[in-house]
Amino acid sequence: MRIWGKILGFLFGFMLSKNIFGALLGAWLGHRFDKGVGLDFNHLGGSKSDTDRQAAFFYSTFSVMGYIAKANGRVSQHEIAFAKAYMDKLSLKGELRQQAQEAFRDGKTTGFPLTDRLAKLKSAVGNRQDLLLLFLEIQIQVAFADGQLDPDEREALHKIASGLGYSPKELDKLLEMIIAGANFHQQGSGNSFANSAQQLENAYKVLGVSDNNSASEVKKAYRKLMSQHHPDKLVAKGLPPEMMEIAKQKAQDIQAAYELISAQNKS
């Protein structure tokens, strides 16, 4: 059995993208290399094999990325740069890059069948809510590529979230947590930020609470999130083992946010 493509693909994918999307895609591309076959996006809603699931994720990600970029009627340079940067991070070249670009262009076309595309993605992914959440997070990043979220982009995100089974309230909560999480991670969570009011505010939002919540409520939210993102529990529920690293990173961010809040409450 040839497995080196999968192993190296996963390692390089994770190192290049620093997220599980890149790792999964890398492992999948390695698998295709091992098999010596190309990609086929013609049957993305039928089979639920790992290969077809990842193919559906690949095409849907870039096509819906194009849909988001065109939501306000024009594609900005920031959004184009984001898409190119994502392709660069995944080291997409040749035919694969062309397929990603074609998917992006498909999403930009008038009348793009968003509802049908999301239905096919859900069919391929099945009950793997972690992948759907990751997919939605990527699209949120696209919408914020230019540093702001206009009404058309927000409406597009709500359509996507609804198609994936998320309520408007859940999307708004996720938006707040993702933005806060990105700021929290970027600014750092060490002691040097212990007196930063903005960093503390981000920490609360990472946990989905506020400084109006009691210590017990904050602790409850923290424990719930840690339970939801516990790598071993996620794998037991069907999470691919390759995704353990991103689960660990999320758990680490949740832990860091809680520790910062706890330290502030004690001071």
Protein backbone atom coordinates (compact mmCIF):
# COMPACT_ATOMS: atom_id res chain seq x y z
CA MET A 1 0.00 0.00 0.00
CA ARG A 2 1.34 3.42 -0.94
CA ILE A 3 0.80 5.84 1.93
CA TRP A 4 3.71 8.29 1.70
CA GLY A 5 1.67 10.73 -0.35
CA LYS A 6 -0.99 10.92 2.37
CA ILE A 7 1.54 11.28 5.17
CA LEU A 8 3.62 13.95 3.47
CA GLY A 9 0.53 15.68 2.11
CA PHE A 10 -0.93 16.01 5.60
CA LEU A 11 2.31 17.29 7.09
CA PHE A 12 2.98 19.84 4.37
CA GLY A 13 -0.68 20.89 4.24
CA PHE A 14 -0.75 21.63 7.96
CA MET A 15 2.63 23.40 7.95
CA LEU A 16 1.66 25.60 5.00
CA SER A 17 -1.82 26.57 6.10
CA LYS A 18 -1.56 26.31 9.90
CA ASN A 19 -5.16 25.04 9.95
CA ILE A 20 -6.97 21.75 9.54
CA PHE A 21 -8.41 22.66 6.13
CA GLY A 22 -4.91 22.69 4.70
CA ALA A 23 -3.99 19.51 6.58
CA LEU A 24 -7.05 17.65 5.33
CA LEU A 25 -6.61 18.90 1.80
CA GLY A 26 -2.93 17.99 1.90
CA ALA A 27 -3.71 14.47 3.09
CA TRP A 28 -6.38 14.10 0.46
CA LEU A 29 -4.12 15.34 -2.34
CA GLY A 30 -1.48 12.93 -1.11
CA HIS A 31 -4.04 10.17 -1.29
CA ARG A 32 -4.82 11.08 -4.87
CA PHE A 33 -1.10 11.06 -5.58
CA ASP A 34 -0.79 7.58 -4.07
CA LYS A 35 -3.65 6.40 -6.24
CA GLY A 36 -2.26 8.14 -9.31
CA VAL A 37 -5.62 9.64 -10.23
CA GLY A 38 -6.92 13.14 -10.75
CA LEU A 39 -9.76 15.04 -9.18
CA ASP A 40 -13.37 14.58 -10.22
CA PHE A 41 -15.90 17.18 -9.11
CA ASN A 42 -18.74 15.71 -11.17
CA HIS A 43 -20.25 13.61 -8.39
CA LEU A 44 -19.87 15.74 -5.31
CA GLY A 45 -23.15 14.86 -3.64
CA GLY A 46 -23.39 11.12 -4.12
CA SER A 47 -20.83 9.02 -2.32
CA LYS A 48 -19.80 9.79 1.24
CA SER A 49 -16.30 8.32 1.08
CA ASP A 50 -13.47 10.34 2.60
CA THR A 51 -12.21 11.26 -0.87
CA ASP A 52 -15.61 12.48 -2.09
CA ARG A 53 -16.24 14.32 1.17
CA GLN A 54 -12.97 16.20 0.85
CA ALA A 55 -13.55 16.86 -2.86
CA ALA A 56 -16.93 18.38 -2.00
CA PHE A 57 -15.32 20.45 0.73
CA PHE A 58 -12.63 21.66 -1.68
CA TYR A 59 -14.98 22.72 -4.47
CA SER A 60 -17.63 24.15 -2.16
CA THR A 61 -15.09 26.18 -0.22
CA PHE A 62 -13.73 28.01 -3.26
CA SER A 63 -17.05 28.36 -5.10
CA VAL A 64 -18.87 29.78 -2.07
CA MET A 65 -15.80 31.92 -1.45
CA GLY A 66 -16.48 33.43 -4.89
CA TYR A 67 -20.16 33.85 -4.02
CA ILE A 68 -19.27 35.79 -0.87
CA ALA A 69 -16.76 37.94 -2.78
CA LYS A 70 -19.46 38.96 -5.31
CA ALA A 71 -22.17 39.47 -2.68
CA ASN A 72 -22.06 43.27 -2.88
CA GLY A 73 -21.95 43.31 -6.67
CA ARG A 74 -18.21 43.51 -7.17
CA VAL A 75 -15.16 41.55 -6.15
CA SER A 76 -12.66 43.70 -4.26
CA GLN A 77 -8.89 43.38 -4.52
CA HIS A 78 -8.83 42.34 -0.86
CA GLU A 79 -11.10 39.39 -1.58
CA ILE A 80 -9.11 38.36 -4.65
CA ALA A 81 -5.91 38.62 -2.62
CA PHE A 82 -7.46 36.50 0.13
CA ALA A 83 -8.44 33.76 -2.34
CA LYS A 84 -4.97 33.80 -3.92
CA ALA A 85 -3.32 33.73 -0.50
CA TYR A 86 -5.41 30.71 0.47
CA MET A 87 -4.37 28.92 -2.71
CA ASP A 88 -0.75 29.85 -2.05
CA LYS A 89 -0.93 28.55 1.52
CA LEU A 90 -2.25 25.25 0.21
CA SER A 91 0.48 25.24 -2.42
CA LEU A 92 -2.07 24.75 -5.18
CA LYS A 93 -0.40 24.67 -8.57
CA GLY A 94 -1.14 23.52 -12.07
CA GLU A 95 -4.43 21.69 -12.53
CA LEU A 96 -5.41 21.91 -8.87
CA ARG A 97 -4.97 25.68 -8.75
CA GLN A 98 -6.91 25.97 -11.99
CA GLN A 99 -9.76 23.94 -10.48
CA ALA A 100 -9.78 26.16 -7.37
CA GLN A 101 -9.84 29.26 -9.58
CA GLU A 102 -12.65 27.82 -11.70
CA ALA A 103 -14.63 27.03 -8.54
CA PHE A 104 -14.08 30.62 -7.37
CA ARG A 105 -15.28 31.91 -10.75
CA ASP A 106 -18.32 29.60 -10.60
CA GLY A 107 -19.31 31.19 -7.31
CA LYS A 108 -19.07 34.68 -8.82
CA THR A 109 -21.47 33.93 -11.67
CA THR A 110 -25.00 35.31 -11.60
CA GLY A 111 -27.46 32.65 -10.50
CA PHE A 112 -24.90 30.53 -8.66
CA PRO A 113 -26.98 27.69 -7.09
CA LEU A 114 -25.95 28.36 -3.51
CA THR A 115 -28.75 26.36 -1.91
CA ASP A 116 -28.03 23.32 -4.07
CA ARG A 117 -24.30 23.56 -3.47
CA LEU A 118 -24.73 23.73 0.31
CA ALA A 119 -27.17 20.81 0.20
CA LYS A 120 -24.61 18.71 -1.67
CA LEU A 121 -21.92 19.69 0.81
CA LYS A 122 -24.12 18.66 3.74
CA SER A 123 -24.93 15.39 2.01
CA ALA A 124 -21.24 14.65 1.48
CA VAL A 125 -20.22 15.71 4.99
CA GLY A 126 -23.10 13.96 6.73
CA ASN A 127 -23.16 14.46 10.48
CA ARG A 128 -19.66 15.94 10.69
CA GLN A 129 -20.66 19.29 12.12
CA ASP A 130 -17.01 20.14 12.78
CA LEU A 131 -16.37 20.32 9.03
CA LEU A 132 -19.45 22.45 8.43
CA LEU A 133 -18.35 24.80 11.19
CA LEU A 134 -14.88 25.05 9.67
CA PHE A 135 -16.42 25.74 6.27
CA LEU A 136 -18.54 28.56 7.71
CA GLU A 137 -15.53 30.02 9.52
CA ILE A 138 -13.59 30.19 6.25
CA GLN A 139 -16.45 32.04 4.56
CA ILE A 140 -16.62 34.50 7.45
CA GLN A 141 -12.90 35.18 6.93
CA VAL A 142 -13.59 35.92 3.25
CA ALA A 143 -16.38 38.34 4.14
CA PHE A 144 -14.01 40.19 6.48
CA ALA A 145 -11.12 40.18 3.97
CA ASP A 146 -11.35 43.95 3.57
CA GLY A 147 -11.69 44.55 7.30
CA GLN A 148 -15.43 45.21 7.29
CA LEU A 149 -18.74 43.44 6.78
CA ASP A 150 -21.26 45.26 4.59
CA PRO A 151 -25.02 44.45 4.58
CA ASP A 152 -24.82 42.36 1.38
CA GLU A 153 -22.00 40.24 2.76
CA ARG A 154 -23.85 39.79 6.05
CA GLU A 155 -26.97 38.70 4.15
CA ALA A 156 -24.88 36.22 2.13
CA LEU A 157 -23.40 34.79 5.33
CA HIS A 158 -26.88 34.36 6.79
CA LYS A 159 -27.97 32.47 3.65
CA ILE A 160 -24.93 30.21 3.93
CA ALA A 161 -25.42 29.67 7.66
CA SER A 162 -29.09 28.87 7.12
CA GLY A 163 -28.21 26.39 4.39
CA LEU A 164 -25.85 24.65 6.80
CA GLY A 165 -28.42 24.54 9.57
CA TYR A 166 -27.31 27.53 11.67
CA SER A 167 -29.82 30.11 12.95
CA PRO A 168 -29.24 33.88 12.57
CA LYS A 169 -28.60 34.09 16.30
CA GLU A 170 -26.01 31.31 16.12
CA LEU A 171 -24.26 33.01 13.21
CA ASP A 172 -24.13 36.36 14.99
CA LYS A 173 -22.68 34.65 18.05
CA LEU A 174 -20.14 32.83 15.90
CA LEU A 175 -19.18 36.05 14.13
CA GLU A 176 -18.45 37.74 17.44
CA MET A 177 -16.48 34.78 18.79
CA ILE A 178 -14.41 34.35 15.61
CA ILE A 179 -13.50 38.02 15.38
CA ALA A 180 -12.62 38.11 19.08
CA GLY A 181 -10.71 34.85 18.78
CA ALA A 182 -8.64 36.17 15.88
CA ASN A 183 -7.82 39.35 17.80
CA PHE A 184 -7.06 37.43 20.97
CA HIS A 185 -4.72 35.04 19.16
CA GLN A 186 -3.03 37.84 17.22
CA GLN A 187 -2.41 40.02 20.24
CA GLY A 188 -1.23 37.16 22.37
CA SER A 189 -2.47 35.80 25.66
CA GLY A 190 0.59 36.10 27.90
CA ASN A 191 1.01 38.12 31.05
CA SER A 192 2.16 41.17 29.08
CA PHE A 193 -1.45 41.63 28.03
CA ALA A 194 -2.89 41.07 31.51
CA ASN A 195 -3.76 44.77 31.84
CA SER A 196 -5.14 45.16 28.33
CA ALA A 197 -8.84 45.99 28.50
CA GLN A 198 -9.28 45.05 24.81
CA GLN A 199 -7.56 41.71 25.25
CA LEU A 200 -9.69 40.93 28.29
CA GLU A 201 -12.82 41.82 26.34
CA ASN A 202 -11.72 39.47 23.56
CA ALA A 203 -11.13 36.72 26.11
CA TYR A 204 -14.71 37.01 27.35
CA LYS A 205 -16.02 36.87 23.79
CA VAL A 206 -13.89 33.81 23.02
CA LEU A 207 -15.86 32.04 25.77
CA GLY A 208 -19.14 33.52 24.55
CA VAL A 209 -19.74 35.47 27.79
CA SER A 210 -19.21 39.00 29.09
CA ASP A 211 -17.86 40.67 32.21
CA ASN A 212 -21.46 40.87 33.43
CA ASN A 213 -21.51 37.11 33.88
CA SER A 214 -20.65 35.68 37.26
CA ALA A 215 -17.50 33.68 37.86
CA SER A 216 -19.55 30.49 37.99
CA GLU A 217 -21.23 31.31 34.68
CA VAL A 218 -17.87 31.99 33.04
CA LYS A 219 -16.52 28.71 34.41
CA LYS A 220 -19.59 26.85 33.12
CA ALA A 221 -19.13 28.33 29.62
CA TYR A 222 -15.43 27.46 29.73
CA ARG A 223 -16.10 23.84 30.72
CA LYS A 224 -18.74 23.47 28.01
CA LEU A 225 -16.40 24.77 25.31
CA MET A 226 -13.54 22.61 26.55
CA SER A 227 -15.81 19.58 26.45
CA GLN A 228 -16.96 20.43 22.91
CA HIS A 229 -13.38 20.85 21.71
CA HIS A 230 -11.74 18.00 23.61
CA PRO A 231 -9.69 16.16 20.95
CA ASP A 232 -10.32 12.64 22.28
CA LYS A 233 -14.06 13.21 22.58
CA LEU A 234 -14.23 14.65 19.08
CA VAL A 235 -12.38 11.67 17.63
CA ALA A 236 -14.70 9.32 19.51
CA LYS A 237 -17.64 11.09 17.86
CA GLY A 238 -16.18 10.55 14.40
CA LEU A 239 -13.67 13.36 14.01
CA PRO A 240 -10.83 12.27 11.67
CA PRO A 241 -7.63 11.73 13.72
CA GLU A 242 -5.86 14.20 11.42
CA MET A 243 -8.04 16.95 12.91
CA MET A 244 -6.76 16.50 16.46
CA GLU A 245 -4.18 19.27 16.11
CA ILE A 246 -6.75 21.96 15.30
CA ALA A 247 -8.92 20.71 18.16
CA LYS A 248 -5.90 21.03 20.46
CA GLN A 249 -5.25 24.59 19.25
CA LYS A 250 -8.85 25.60 19.86
CA ALA A 251 -8.72 24.06 23.32
CA GLN A 252 -5.50 25.96 24.04
CA ASP A 253 -7.10 29.28 23.02
CA ILE A 254 -10.13 28.58 25.21
CA GLN A 255 -7.82 27.68 28.10
CA ALA A 256 -5.74 30.85 27.61
CA ALA A 257 -8.85 33.04 27.51
CA TYR A 258 -10.19 31.49 30.72
CA GLU A 259 -6.85 31.84 32.49
CA LEU A 260 -6.64 35.52 31.54
CA ILE A 261 -10.14 36.18 32.87
CA SER A 262 -9.41 34.24 36.05
CA ALA A 263 -6.17 36.15 36.61
CA GLN A 264 -7.97 39.47 36.21
CA ASN A 265 -10.73 38.48 38.60
CA LYS A 266 -8.17 37.57 41.26
CA SER A 267 -6.20 40.82 40.94
